[in-house]
Amino acid sequence: MELLFFGPLADIAGKTDFDLSEITDTVQLKEKIFAKFPELANHSFLIAVNKKVMAGNVPLKNEDTVALMPPFSGG
């Protein structure tokens, strides 16, 4: 699975993308990324799976592209 970081989240992670495997859902994804990048736990972000913003716990597959995005607002 390809994990993409945007905005200040990329600065915290020190990269814009990261490969993960064997992640079954977004809860497990958060556990993994918080273990690898602990400072991300202090920031709010949206999770998009295959270009769709998701809420709650969502199942994931190895071929998914997951993006972590800072909150945004319309103008």
N, C-alpha and C. Protein backbone atom coordinates (compact mmCIF):
# COMPACT_ATOMS: atom_id res chain seq x y z
N MET A 1 0.85 -1.16 0.00
CA MET A 1 0.00 0.00 0.00
C MET A 1 0.90 1.23 0.00
N GLU A 2 0.51 2.20 -0.80
CA GLU A 2 1.27 3.45 -0.84
C GLU A 2 0.60 4.44 0.10
N LEU A 3 1.38 5.00 0.99
CA LEU A 3 0.91 6.00 1.94
C LEU A 3 1.52 7.33 1.55
N LEU A 4 0.67 8.34 1.33
CA LEU A 4 1.12 9.67 0.92
C LEU A 4 0.88 10.66 2.06
N PHE A 5 1.85 11.53 2.28
CA PHE A 5 1.74 12.58 3.29
C PHE A 5 1.67 13.92 2.59
N PHE A 6 0.81 14.82 3.06
CA PHE A 6 0.67 16.14 2.46
C PHE A 6 0.85 17.23 3.51
N GLY A 7 1.30 18.40 3.04
CA GLY A 7 1.45 19.58 3.89
C GLY A 7 2.39 19.35 5.05
N PRO A 8 2.02 19.88 6.22
CA PRO A 8 2.88 19.74 7.39
C PRO A 8 3.09 18.30 7.83
N LEU A 9 2.18 17.41 7.44
CA LEU A 9 2.34 15.99 7.79
C LEU A 9 3.56 15.41 7.08
N ALA A 10 3.83 15.86 5.86
CA ALA A 10 5.03 15.42 5.13
C ALA A 10 6.28 15.95 5.82
N ASP A 11 6.20 17.17 6.35
CA ASP A 11 7.35 17.73 7.09
C ASP A 11 7.64 16.91 8.34
N ILE A 12 6.60 16.52 9.05
CA ILE A 12 6.78 15.72 10.26
C ILE A 12 7.36 14.35 9.92
N ALA A 13 6.82 13.71 8.87
CA ALA A 13 7.29 12.38 8.49
C ALA A 13 8.66 12.44 7.82
N GLY A 14 9.02 13.60 7.29
CA GLY A 14 10.30 13.73 6.60
C GLY A 14 10.28 13.11 5.21
N LYS A 15 9.08 12.85 4.71
CA LYS A 15 8.93 12.26 3.37
C LYS A 15 7.51 12.50 2.89
N THR A 16 7.30 12.34 1.60
CA THR A 16 5.96 12.52 1.04
C THR A 16 5.26 11.19 0.78
N ASP A 17 6.03 10.10 0.76
CA ASP A 17 5.39 8.80 0.55
C ASP A 17 6.14 7.71 1.31
N PHE A 18 5.42 6.63 1.55
CA PHE A 18 5.93 5.54 2.37
C PHE A 18 5.16 4.28 1.98
N ASP A 19 5.82 3.17 1.87
CA ASP A 19 5.16 1.91 1.51
C ASP A 19 4.89 1.08 2.76
N LEU A 20 3.68 0.54 2.84
CA LEU A 20 3.27 -0.33 3.94
C LEU A 20 2.62 -1.58 3.37
N SER A 21 2.64 -2.64 4.14
CA SER A 21 1.93 -3.85 3.71
C SER A 21 1.26 -4.49 4.91
N GLU A 22 0.32 -5.35 4.62
CA GLU A 22 -0.39 -6.11 5.64
C GLU A 22 -1.10 -5.24 6.67
N ILE A 23 -1.68 -4.15 6.19
CA ILE A 23 -2.51 -3.29 7.03
C ILE A 23 -3.96 -3.61 6.66
N THR A 24 -4.77 -3.97 7.64
CA THR A 24 -6.13 -4.43 7.34
C THR A 24 -7.18 -3.32 7.36
N ASP A 25 -6.93 -2.25 8.14
CA ASP A 25 -7.93 -1.18 8.22
C ASP A 25 -7.26 0.11 8.69
N THR A 26 -8.06 1.19 8.71
CA THR A 26 -7.49 2.50 9.06
C THR A 26 -7.09 2.60 10.53
N VAL A 27 -7.73 1.84 11.41
CA VAL A 27 -7.31 1.85 12.82
C VAL A 27 -5.89 1.28 12.93
N GLN A 28 -5.64 0.16 12.27
CA GLN A 28 -4.31 -0.43 12.29
C GLN A 28 -3.30 0.48 11.59
N LEU A 29 -3.72 1.16 10.54
CA LEU A 29 -2.86 2.11 9.85
C LEU A 29 -2.39 3.20 10.80
N LYS A 30 -3.32 3.78 11.55
CA LYS A 30 -2.96 4.84 12.51
C LYS A 30 -1.99 4.31 13.56
N GLU A 31 -2.23 3.10 14.07
CA GLU A 31 -1.32 2.52 15.05
C GLU A 31 0.10 2.42 14.49
N LYS A 32 0.21 1.96 13.24
CA LYS A 32 1.54 1.81 12.61
C LYS A 32 2.22 3.15 12.40
N ILE A 33 1.47 4.13 11.87
CA ILE A 33 2.12 5.41 11.57
C ILE A 33 2.45 6.17 12.86
N PHE A 34 1.62 6.04 13.89
CA PHE A 34 1.94 6.71 15.14
C PHE A 34 3.16 6.07 15.81
N ALA A 35 3.34 4.77 15.61
CA ALA A 35 4.53 4.10 16.15
C ALA A 35 5.78 4.55 15.39
N LYS A 36 5.66 4.73 14.09
CA LYS A 36 6.80 5.12 13.27
C LYS A 36 7.06 6.62 13.33
N PHE A 37 5.99 7.42 13.36
CA PHE A 37 6.09 8.88 13.39
C PHE A 37 5.25 9.40 14.56
N PRO A 38 5.74 9.30 15.80
CA PRO A 38 4.93 9.62 16.99
C PRO A 38 4.35 11.03 16.99
N GLU A 39 5.04 11.98 16.40
CA GLU A 39 4.54 13.37 16.42
C GLU A 39 3.23 13.53 15.65
N LEU A 40 2.97 12.64 14.70
CA LEU A 40 1.71 12.71 13.95
C LEU A 40 0.50 12.52 14.85
N ALA A 41 0.66 11.84 15.97
CA ALA A 41 -0.45 11.63 16.90
C ALA A 41 -0.96 12.94 17.48
N ASN A 42 -0.14 13.98 17.44
CA ASN A 42 -0.52 15.29 17.99
C ASN A 42 -1.19 16.19 16.96
N HIS A 43 -1.41 15.68 15.76
CA HIS A 43 -1.98 16.49 14.68
C HIS A 43 -3.26 15.84 14.15
N SER A 44 -4.20 16.69 13.76
CA SER A 44 -5.40 16.14 13.13
C SER A 44 -5.17 16.04 11.63
N PHE A 45 -5.78 15.04 11.03
CA PHE A 45 -5.64 14.86 9.58
C PHE A 45 -6.81 14.04 9.06
N LEU A 46 -7.02 14.16 7.79
CA LEU A 46 -8.03 13.37 7.09
C LEU A 46 -7.35 12.19 6.42
N ILE A 47 -8.08 11.10 6.27
CA ILE A 47 -7.55 9.94 5.57
C ILE A 47 -8.38 9.75 4.29
N ALA A 48 -7.69 9.73 3.17
CA ALA A 48 -8.34 9.44 1.89
C ALA A 48 -7.82 8.10 1.39
N VAL A 49 -8.73 7.27 0.93
CA VAL A 49 -8.37 5.96 0.37
C VAL A 49 -8.79 5.99 -1.10
N ASN A 50 -7.81 5.82 -1.97
CA ASN A 50 -8.07 5.86 -3.42
C ASN A 50 -8.83 7.12 -3.82
N LYS A 51 -8.37 8.26 -3.28
CA LYS A 51 -8.86 9.61 -3.60
C LYS A 51 -10.24 9.93 -3.02
N LYS A 52 -10.71 9.13 -2.05
CA LYS A 52 -11.98 9.42 -1.39
C LYS A 52 -11.74 9.57 0.10
N VAL A 53 -12.16 10.70 0.67
CA VAL A 53 -12.00 10.94 2.10
C VAL A 53 -12.91 9.98 2.86
N MET A 54 -12.34 9.33 3.85
CA MET A 54 -13.06 8.33 4.63
C MET A 54 -13.24 8.80 6.08
N ALA A 55 -14.28 8.29 6.70
CA ALA A 55 -14.51 8.54 8.12
C ALA A 55 -14.70 7.19 8.80
N GLY A 56 -14.29 7.12 10.04
CA GLY A 56 -14.43 5.87 10.78
C GLY A 56 -13.39 4.85 10.36
N ASN A 57 -13.60 3.63 10.77
CA ASN A 57 -12.67 2.55 10.44
C ASN A 57 -13.05 1.94 9.10
N VAL A 58 -12.10 1.94 8.17
CA VAL A 58 -12.35 1.49 6.80
C VAL A 58 -11.38 0.34 6.48
N PRO A 59 -11.87 -0.74 5.88
CA PRO A 59 -10.97 -1.82 5.47
C PRO A 59 -10.00 -1.34 4.39
N LEU A 60 -8.77 -1.86 4.42
CA LEU A 60 -7.74 -1.49 3.44
C LEU A 60 -7.19 -2.74 2.77
N LYS A 61 -6.73 -2.56 1.52
CA LYS A 61 -6.09 -3.63 0.77
C LYS A 61 -4.68 -3.17 0.39
N ASN A 62 -3.79 -4.12 0.12
CA ASN A 62 -2.41 -3.78 -0.21
C ASN A 62 -2.29 -2.90 -1.45
N GLU A 63 -3.25 -2.99 -2.38
CA GLU A 63 -3.16 -2.19 -3.60
C GLU A 63 -3.76 -0.79 -3.46
N ASP A 64 -4.26 -0.43 -2.27
CA ASP A 64 -4.83 0.90 -2.04
C ASP A 64 -3.75 1.97 -1.98
N THR A 65 -4.16 3.18 -2.35
CA THR A 65 -3.34 4.37 -2.11
C THR A 65 -4.03 5.16 -1.02
N VAL A 66 -3.31 5.42 0.05
CA VAL A 66 -3.88 6.11 1.21
C VAL A 66 -3.14 7.43 1.38
N ALA A 67 -3.90 8.51 1.53
CA ALA A 67 -3.32 9.83 1.71
C ALA A 67 -3.70 10.38 3.08
N LEU A 68 -2.71 10.94 3.76
CA LEU A 68 -2.96 11.67 5.02
C LEU A 68 -2.85 13.14 4.68
N MET A 69 -3.96 13.87 4.93
CA MET A 69 -4.03 15.27 4.56
C MET A 69 -4.42 16.13 5.75
N PRO A 70 -3.79 17.30 5.87
CA PRO A 70 -4.21 18.20 6.94
C PRO A 70 -5.63 18.66 6.68
N PRO A 71 -6.35 19.07 7.73
CA PRO A 71 -7.71 19.57 7.53
C PRO A 71 -7.68 20.78 6.59
N PHE A 72 -8.73 20.93 5.81
CA PHE A 72 -8.80 22.07 4.90
C PHE A 72 -10.20 22.63 4.94
N SER A 73 -10.34 23.86 4.45
CA SER A 73 -11.66 24.47 4.41
C SER A 73 -11.84 25.15 3.06
N GLY A 74 -13.07 25.28 2.68
CA GLY A 74 -13.39 25.91 1.39
C GLY A 74 -13.38 27.42 1.51
N GLY A 75 -13.43 28.07 0.39
CA GLY A 75 -13.36 29.53 0.40
C GLY A 75 -14.49 30.19 -0.24
